[in-house]
């Protein structure tokens, strides 16, 4: 960890919880700046397509407990 990063981290810990939360949100948002909007748009399209399938009743929905049970079986 660089000296600057260590100092900033220590100083940030002295902030009130709400201020730390705001700082964290601001820092995370800064990582998204300049993100590839093509990829984000593709994800948005995929999500909308899946939602449309669910609403039309053509999507095969699987209960979460079945999904997790299958994941546990195949992870062994």
PDB file of N, CA and C in Angstrom:
ATOM      1  N   UNK A   1       0.858  -1.169   0.000  1.00  0.00           N
ATOM      2  CA  UNK A   1       0.000   0.000   0.000  1.00  0.00           C
ATOM      3  C   UNK A   1       0.902   1.228   0.000  1.00  0.00           C
ATOM      4  N   UNK A   2       0.618   2.140  -0.904  1.00  0.00           N
ATOM      5  CA  UNK A   2       1.419   3.360  -0.966  1.00  0.00           C
ATOM      6  C   UNK A   2       1.151   4.230   0.262  1.00  0.00           C
ATOM      7  N   UNK A   3       2.085   5.129   0.511  1.00  0.00           N
ATOM      8  CA  UNK A   3       1.942   6.044   1.642  1.00  0.00           C
ATOM      9  C   UNK A   3       0.681   6.883   1.502  1.00  0.00           C
ATOM     10  N   UNK A   4       0.434   7.381   0.300  1.00  0.00           N
ATOM     11  CA  UNK A   4      -0.759   8.201   0.069  1.00  0.00           C
ATOM     12  C   UNK A   4      -2.025   7.396   0.331  1.00  0.00           C
ATOM     13  N   UNK A   5      -2.070   6.186  -0.190  1.00  0.00           N
ATOM     14  CA  UNK A   5      -3.243   5.346   0.008  1.00  0.00           C
ATOM     15  C   UNK A   5      -3.453   5.057   1.487  1.00  0.00           C
ATOM     16  N   UNK A   6      -2.385   4.754   2.197  1.00  0.00           N
ATOM     17  CA  UNK A   6      -2.489   4.491   3.631  1.00  0.00           C
ATOM     18  C   UNK A   6      -3.014   5.721   4.361  1.00  0.00           C
ATOM     19  N   UNK A   7      -2.463   6.886   4.034  1.00  0.00           N
ATOM     20  CA  UNK A   7      -2.893   8.125   4.693  1.00  0.00           C
ATOM     21  C   UNK A   7      -4.363   8.419   4.411  1.00  0.00           C
ATOM     22  N   UNK A   8      -4.761   8.272   3.153  1.00  0.00           N
ATOM     23  CA  UNK A   8      -6.166   8.523   2.803  1.00  0.00           C
ATOM     24  C   UNK A   8      -7.093   7.555   3.527  1.00  0.00           C
ATOM     25  N   UNK A   9      -6.691   6.301   3.584  1.00  0.00           N
ATOM     26  CA  UNK A   9      -7.499   5.301   4.260  1.00  0.00           C
ATOM     27  C   UNK A   9      -7.656   5.646   5.742  1.00  0.00           C
ATOM     28  N   UNK A  10      -6.579   6.020   6.371  1.00  0.00           N
ATOM     29  CA  UNK A  10      -6.630   6.380   7.789  1.00  0.00           C
ATOM     30  C   UNK A  10      -7.506   7.613   8.014  1.00  0.00           C
ATOM     31  N   UNK A  11      -7.367   8.596   7.161  1.00  0.00           N
ATOM     32  CA  UNK A  11      -8.169   9.815   7.302  1.00  0.00           C
ATOM     33  C   UNK A  11      -9.645   9.530   7.045  1.00  0.00           C
ATOM     34  N   UNK A  12      -9.919   8.669   6.076  1.00  0.00           N
ATOM     35  CA  UNK A  12     -11.309   8.342   5.767  1.00  0.00           C
ATOM     36  C   UNK A  12     -11.985   7.665   6.950  1.00  0.00           C
ATOM     37  N   UNK A  13     -11.236   6.889   7.714  1.00  0.00           N
ATOM     38  CA  UNK A  13     -11.810   6.191   8.868  1.00  0.00           C
ATOM     39  C   UNK A  13     -12.247   7.148   9.971  1.00  0.00           C
ATOM     40  N   UNK A  14     -11.780   8.377   9.921  1.00  0.00           N
ATOM     41  CA  UNK A  14     -12.195   9.351  10.938  1.00  0.00           C
ATOM     42  C   UNK A  14     -13.512  10.032  10.575  1.00  0.00           C
ATOM     43  N   UNK A  15     -13.993   9.801   9.366  1.00  0.00           N
ATOM     44  CA  UNK A  15     -15.252  10.401   8.939  1.00  0.00           C
ATOM     45  C   UNK A  15     -16.432   9.721   9.629  1.00  0.00           C
ATOM     46  N   UNK A  16     -17.517  10.439   9.682  1.00  0.00           N
ATOM     47  CA  UNK A  16     -18.765   9.867  10.203  1.00  0.00           C
ATOM     48  C   UNK A  16     -19.210   8.750   9.255  1.00  0.00           C
ATOM     49  N   UNK A  17     -19.950   7.767   9.750  1.00  0.00           N
ATOM     50  CA  UNK A  17     -20.379   6.648   8.900  1.00  0.00           C
ATOM     51  C   UNK A  17     -21.047   7.079   7.597  1.00  0.00           C
ATOM     52  N   UNK A  18     -21.929   8.076   7.657  1.00  0.00           N
ATOM     53  CA  UNK A  18     -22.594   8.532   6.428  1.00  0.00           C
ATOM     54  C   UNK A  18     -21.589   9.121   5.441  1.00  0.00           C
ATOM     55  N   UNK A  19     -20.613   9.846   5.953  1.00  0.00           N
ATOM     56  CA  UNK A  19     -19.597  10.433   5.078  1.00  0.00           C
ATOM     57  C   UNK A  19     -18.732   9.345   4.455  1.00  0.00           C
ATOM     58  N   UNK A  20     -18.395   8.305   5.231  1.00  0.00           N
ATOM     59  CA  UNK A  20     -17.617   7.187   4.676  1.00  0.00           C
ATOM     60  C   UNK A  20     -18.409   6.480   3.586  1.00  0.00           C
ATOM     61  N   UNK A  21     -19.705   6.304   3.827  1.00  0.00           N
ATOM     62  CA  UNK A  21     -20.554   5.654   2.830  1.00  0.00           C
ATOM     63  C   UNK A  21     -20.597   6.479   1.551  1.00  0.00           C
ATOM     64  N   UNK A  22     -20.736   7.783   1.679  1.00  0.00           N
ATOM     65  CA  UNK A  22     -20.763   8.659   0.504  1.00  0.00           C
ATOM     66  C   UNK A  22     -19.435   8.598  -0.240  1.00  0.00           C
ATOM     67  N   UNK A  23     -18.334   8.605   0.509  1.00  0.00           N
ATOM     68  CA  UNK A  23     -17.012   8.512  -0.110  1.00  0.00           C
ATOM     69  C   UNK A  23     -16.870   7.196  -0.864  1.00  0.00           C
ATOM     70  N   UNK A  24     -17.320   6.111  -0.258  1.00  0.00           N
ATOM     71  CA  UNK A  24     -17.245   4.804  -0.913  1.00  0.00           C
ATOM     72  C   UNK A  24     -18.069   4.798  -2.202  1.00  0.00           C
ATOM     73  N   UNK A  25     -19.271   5.355  -2.148  1.00  0.00           N
ATOM     74  CA  UNK A  25     -20.108   5.427  -3.346  1.00  0.00           C
ATOM     75  C   UNK A  25     -19.439   6.261  -4.431  1.00  0.00           C
ATOM     76  N   UNK A  26     -18.854   7.384  -4.046  1.00  0.00           N
ATOM     77  CA  UNK A  26     -18.175   8.246  -5.013  1.00  0.00           C
ATOM     78  C   UNK A  26     -16.997   7.536  -5.659  1.00  0.00           C
ATOM     79  N   UNK A  27     -16.225   6.810  -4.846  1.00  0.00           N
ATOM     80  CA  UNK A  27     -15.062   6.096  -5.384  1.00  0.00           C
ATOM     81  C   UNK A  27     -15.498   4.976  -6.323  1.00  0.00           C
ATOM     82  N   UNK A  28     -16.540   4.235  -5.930  1.00  0.00           N
ATOM     83  CA  UNK A  28     -17.030   3.171  -6.805  1.00  0.00           C
ATOM     84  C   UNK A  28     -17.577   3.735  -8.109  1.00  0.00           C
ATOM     85  N   UNK A  29     -18.291   4.846  -8.022  1.00  0.00           N
ATOM     86  CA  UNK A  29     -18.827   5.475  -9.236  1.00  0.00           C
ATOM     87  C   UNK A  29     -17.697   5.928 -10.144  1.00  0.00           C
ATOM     88  N   UNK A  30     -16.583   6.366  -9.561  1.00  0.00           N
ATOM     89  CA  UNK A  30     -15.469   6.827 -10.388  1.00  0.00           C
ATOM     90  C   UNK A  30     -14.856   5.682 -11.185  1.00  0.00           C
ATOM     91  N   UNK A  31     -15.015   4.452 -10.698  1.00  0.00           N
ATOM     92  CA  UNK A  31     -14.501   3.296 -11.439  1.00  0.00           C
ATOM     93  C   UNK A  31     -15.349   3.017 -12.679  1.00  0.00           C
ATOM     94  N   UNK A  32     -16.595   3.463 -12.647  1.00  0.00           N
ATOM     95  CA  UNK A  32     -17.500   3.249 -13.771  1.00  0.00           C
ATOM     96  C   UNK A  32     -17.339   4.295 -14.867  1.00  0.00           C
ATOM     97  N   UNK A  33     -16.722   5.418 -14.538  1.00  0.00           N
ATOM     98  CA  UNK A  33     -16.542   6.480 -15.528  1.00  0.00           C
ATOM     99  C   UNK A  33     -15.721   5.945 -16.688  1.00  0.00           C
ATOM    100  N   UNK A  34     -16.208   6.171 -17.863  1.00  0.00           N
ATOM    101  CA  UNK A  34     -15.505   5.708 -19.048  1.00  0.00           C
ATOM    102  C   UNK A  34     -15.698   4.226 -19.319  1.00  0.00           C
ATOM    103  N   UNK A  35     -16.598   3.584 -18.570  1.00  0.00           N
ATOM    104  CA  UNK A  35     -16.868   2.169 -18.801  1.00  0.00           C
ATOM    105  C   UNK A  35     -17.439   1.993 -20.200  1.00  0.00           C
ATOM    106  N   UNK A  36     -17.227   0.843 -20.739  1.00  0.00           N
ATOM    107  CA  UNK A  36     -17.686   0.545 -22.087  1.00  0.00           C
ATOM    108  C   UNK A  36     -19.210   0.514 -22.119  1.00  0.00           C
ATOM    109  N   UNK A  37     -19.813   1.540 -22.703  1.00  0.00           N
ATOM    110  CA  UNK A  37     -21.273   1.635 -22.735  1.00  0.00           C
ATOM    111  C   UNK A  37     -21.886   0.568 -23.637  1.00  0.00           C
ATOM    112  N   UNK A  38     -21.112   0.041 -24.566  1.00  0.00           N
ATOM    113  CA  UNK A  38     -21.613  -1.025 -25.438  1.00  0.00           C
ATOM    114  C   UNK A  38     -21.901  -2.272 -24.618  1.00  0.00           C
ATOM    115  N   UNK A  39     -20.997  -2.598 -23.719  1.00  0.00           N
ATOM    116  CA  UNK A  39     -21.179  -3.777 -22.870  1.00  0.00           C
ATOM    117  C   UNK A  39     -22.364  -3.565 -21.941  1.00  0.00           C
ATOM    118  N   UNK A  40     -22.448  -2.382 -21.348  1.00  0.00           N
ATOM    119  CA  UNK A  40     -23.562  -2.088 -20.450  1.00  0.00           C
ATOM    120  C   UNK A  40     -24.889  -2.167 -21.199  1.00  0.00           C
ATOM    121  N   UNK A  41     -24.933  -1.654 -22.410  1.00  0.00           N
ATOM    122  CA  UNK A  41     -26.162  -1.709 -23.205  1.00  0.00           C
ATOM    123  C   UNK A  41     -26.527  -3.151 -23.539  1.00  0.00           C
ATOM    124  N   UNK A  42     -25.524  -3.968 -23.812  1.00  0.00           N
ATOM    125  CA  UNK A  42     -25.781  -5.386 -24.103  1.00  0.00           C
ATOM    126  C   UNK A  42     -26.369  -6.091 -22.885  1.00  0.00           C
ATOM    127  N   UNK A  43     -25.836  -5.785 -21.696  1.00  0.00           N
ATOM    128  CA  UNK A  43     -26.391  -6.361 -20.471  1.00  0.00           C
ATOM    129  C   UNK A  43     -27.826  -5.894 -20.272  1.00  0.00           C
ATOM    130  N   UNK A  44     -28.091  -4.625 -20.490  1.00  0.00           N
ATOM    131  CA  UNK A  44     -29.453  -4.096 -20.356  1.00  0.00           C
ATOM    132  C   UNK A  44     -30.405  -4.820 -21.299  1.00  0.00           C
ATOM    133  N   UNK A  45     -29.960  -5.041 -22.542  1.00  0.00           N
ATOM    134  CA  UNK A  45     -30.791  -5.753 -23.523  1.00  0.00           C
ATOM    135  C   UNK A  45     -31.055  -7.194 -23.081  1.00  0.00           C
ATOM    136  N   UNK A  46     -30.020  -7.859 -22.576  1.00  0.00           N
ATOM    137  CA  UNK A  46     -30.177  -9.244 -22.125  1.00  0.00           C
ATOM    138  C   UNK A  46     -31.141  -9.324 -20.948  1.00  0.00           C
ATOM    139  N   UNK A  47     -31.013  -8.399 -20.020  1.00  0.00           N
ATOM    140  CA  UNK A  47     -31.910  -8.377 -18.856  1.00  0.00           C
ATOM    141  C   UNK A  47     -33.349  -8.155 -19.305  1.00  0.00           C
ATOM    142  N   UNK A  48     -33.544  -7.191 -20.204  1.00  0.00           N
ATOM    143  CA  UNK A  48     -34.896  -6.907 -20.683  1.00  0.00           C
ATOM    144  C   UNK A  48     -35.480  -8.110 -21.413  1.00  0.00           C
ATOM    145  N   UNK A  49     -34.662  -8.791 -22.194  1.00  0.00           N
ATOM    146  CA  UNK A  49     -35.116  -9.976 -22.914  1.00  0.00           C
ATOM    147  C   UNK A  49     -35.556 -11.069 -21.947  1.00  0.00           C
ATOM    148  N   UNK A  50     -34.777 -11.281 -20.892  1.00  0.00           N
ATOM    149  CA  UNK A  50     -35.139 -12.291 -19.889  1.00  0.00           C
ATOM    150  C   UNK A  50     -36.426 -11.911 -19.173  1.00  0.00           C
ATOM    151  N   UNK A  51     -36.574 -10.630 -18.827  1.00  0.00           N
ATOM    152  CA  UNK A  51     -37.795 -10.180 -18.171  1.00  0.00           C
ATOM    153  C   UNK A  51     -39.007 -10.385 -19.071  1.00  0.00           C
ATOM    154  N   UNK A  52     -38.838 -10.091 -20.352  1.00  0.00           N
ATOM    155  CA  UNK A  52     -39.930 -10.291 -21.302  1.00  0.00           C
ATOM    156  C   UNK A  52     -40.342 -11.762 -21.355  1.00  0.00           C
ATOM    157  N   UNK A  53     -39.352 -12.671 -21.338  1.00  0.00           N
ATOM    158  CA  UNK A  53     -39.644 -14.107 -21.359  1.00  0.00           C
ATOM    159  C   UNK A  53     -40.428 -14.524 -20.121  1.00  0.00           C
ATOM    160  N   UNK A  54     -40.030 -13.986 -18.968  1.00  0.00           N
ATOM    161  CA  UNK A  54     -40.736 -14.310 -17.725  1.00  0.00           C
ATOM    162  C   UNK A  54     -42.170 -13.796 -17.795  1.00  0.00           C
ATOM    163  N   UNK A  55     -42.338 -12.569 -18.238  1.00  0.00           N
ATOM    164  CA  UNK A  55     -43.673 -11.974 -18.305  1.00  0.00           C
ATOM    165  C   UNK A  55     -44.571 -12.706 -19.302  1.00  0.00           C
ATOM    166  N   UNK A  56     -44.006 -13.217 -20.397  1.00  0.00           N
ATOM    167  CA  UNK A  56     -44.787 -13.958 -21.392  1.00  0.00           C
ATOM    168  C   UNK A  56     -45.029 -15.400 -20.955  1.00  0.00           C
ATOM    169  N   UNK A  57     -44.341 -15.828 -19.899  1.00  0.00           N
ATOM    170  CA  UNK A  57     -44.517 -17.194 -19.395  1.00  0.00           C
ATOM    171  C   UNK A  57     -43.766 -18.243 -20.173  1.00  0.00           C
ATOM    172  N   UNK A  58     -42.776 -17.836 -20.955  1.00  0.00           N
ATOM    173  CA  UNK A  58     -42.019 -18.809 -21.747  1.00  0.00           C
ATOM    174  C   UNK A  58     -40.675 -19.186 -21.101  1.00  0.00           C
ATOM    175  N   UNK A  59     -40.300 -18.484 -20.056  1.00  0.00           N
ATOM    176  CA  UNK A  59     -39.046 -18.788 -19.365  1.00  0.00           C
ATOM    177  C   UNK A  59     -39.259 -19.959 -18.422  1.00  0.00           C
ATOM    178  N   UNK A  60     -38.264 -20.843 -18.334  1.00  0.00           N
ATOM    179  CA  UNK A  60     -38.330 -21.939 -17.378  1.00  0.00           C
ATOM    180  C   UNK A  60     -37.713 -21.435 -16.081  1.00  0.00           C
ATOM    181  N   UNK A  61     -38.544 -21.291 -15.063  1.00  0.00           N
ATOM    182  CA  UNK A  61     -38.079 -20.799 -13.772  1.00  0.00           C
ATOM    183  C   UNK A  61     -37.778 -21.985 -12.862  1.00  0.00           C
ATOM    184  N   UNK A  62     -36.659 -21.893 -12.159  1.00  0.00           N
ATOM    185  CA  UNK A  62     -36.233 -22.963 -11.263  1.00  0.00           C
ATOM    186  C   UNK A  62     -36.118 -22.374  -9.860  1.00  0.00           C
ATOM    187  N   UNK A  63     -36.762 -22.989  -8.870  1.00  0.00           N
ATOM    188  CA  UNK A  63     -36.666 -22.485  -7.508  1.00  0.00           C
ATOM    189  C   UNK A  63     -35.213 -22.449  -7.031  1.00  0.00           C
ATOM    190  N   UNK A  64     -34.882 -21.439  -6.255  1.00  0.00           N
ATOM    191  CA  UNK A  64     -33.511 -21.237  -5.792  1.00  0.00           C
ATOM    192  C   UNK A  64     -32.983 -22.438  -5.029  1.00  0.00           C
ATOM    193  N   UNK A  65     -33.814 -23.080  -4.198  1.00  0.00           N
ATOM    194  CA  UNK A  65     -33.314 -24.218  -3.427  1.00  0.00           C
ATOM    195  C   UNK A  65     -32.875 -25.357  -4.342  1.00  0.00           C
ATOM    196  N   UNK A  66     -33.561 -25.533  -5.474  1.00  0.00           N
ATOM    197  CA  UNK A  66     -33.144 -26.552  -6.441  1.00  0.00           C
ATOM    198  C   UNK A  66     -31.825 -26.170  -7.108  1.00  0.00           C
ATOM    199  N   UNK A  67     -31.680 -24.913  -7.442  1.00  0.00           N
ATOM    200  CA  UNK A  67     -30.450 -24.437  -8.073  1.00  0.00           C
ATOM    201  C   UNK A  67     -29.264 -24.643  -7.133  1.00  0.00           C
ATOM    202  N   UNK A  68     -29.430 -24.241  -5.864  1.00  0.00           N
ATOM    203  CA  UNK A  68     -28.341 -24.387  -4.894  1.00  0.00           C
ATOM    204  C   UNK A  68     -28.023 -25.849  -4.628  1.00  0.00           C
ATOM    205  N   UNK A  69     -29.063 -26.697  -4.560  1.00  0.00           N
ATOM    206  CA  UNK A  69     -28.834 -28.133  -4.334  1.00  0.00           C
ATOM    207  C   UNK A  69     -28.040 -28.713  -5.496  1.00  0.00           C
ATOM    208  N   UNK A  70     -28.397 -28.353  -6.709  1.00  0.00           N
ATOM    209  CA  UNK A  70     -27.659 -28.845  -7.885  1.00  0.00           C
ATOM    210  C   UNK A  70     -26.219 -28.348  -7.873  1.00  0.00           C
ATOM    211  N   UNK A  71     -26.033 -27.096  -7.491  1.00  0.00           N
ATOM    212  CA  UNK A  71     -24.675 -26.533  -7.424  1.00  0.00           C
ATOM    213  C   UNK A  71     -23.839 -27.290  -6.392  1.00  0.00           C
ATOM    214  N   UNK A  72     -24.434 -27.628  -5.263  1.00  0.00           N
ATOM    215  CA  UNK A  72     -23.702 -28.383  -4.237  1.00  0.00           C
ATOM    216  C   UNK A  72     -23.355 -29.782  -4.744  1.00  0.00           C
ATOM    217  N   UNK A  73     -24.287 -30.414  -5.460  1.00  0.00           N
ATOM    218  CA  UNK A  73     -24.033 -31.770  -5.983  1.00  0.00           C
ATOM    219  C   UNK A  73     -22.891 -31.755  -6.995  1.00  0.00           C
ATOM    220  N   UNK A  74     -22.882 -30.763  -7.866  1.00  0.00           N
ATOM    221  CA  UNK A  74     -21.867 -30.744  -8.931  1.00  0.00           C
ATOM    222  C   UNK A  74     -20.525 -30.201  -8.458  1.00  0.00           C
ATOM    223  N   UNK A  75     -20.502 -29.518  -7.309  1.00  0.00           N
ATOM    224  CA  UNK A  75     -19.247 -28.949  -6.801  1.00  0.00           C
ATOM    225  C   UNK A  75     -18.397 -30.005  -6.120  1.00  0.00           C
ATOM    226  N   UNK A  76     -18.967 -31.130  -5.784  1.00  0.00           N
ATOM    227  CA  UNK A  76     -18.223 -32.167  -5.066  1.00  0.00           C
ATOM    228  C   UNK A  76     -17.395 -32.995  -5.954  1.00  0.00           C
TER     229      UNK A  76
END
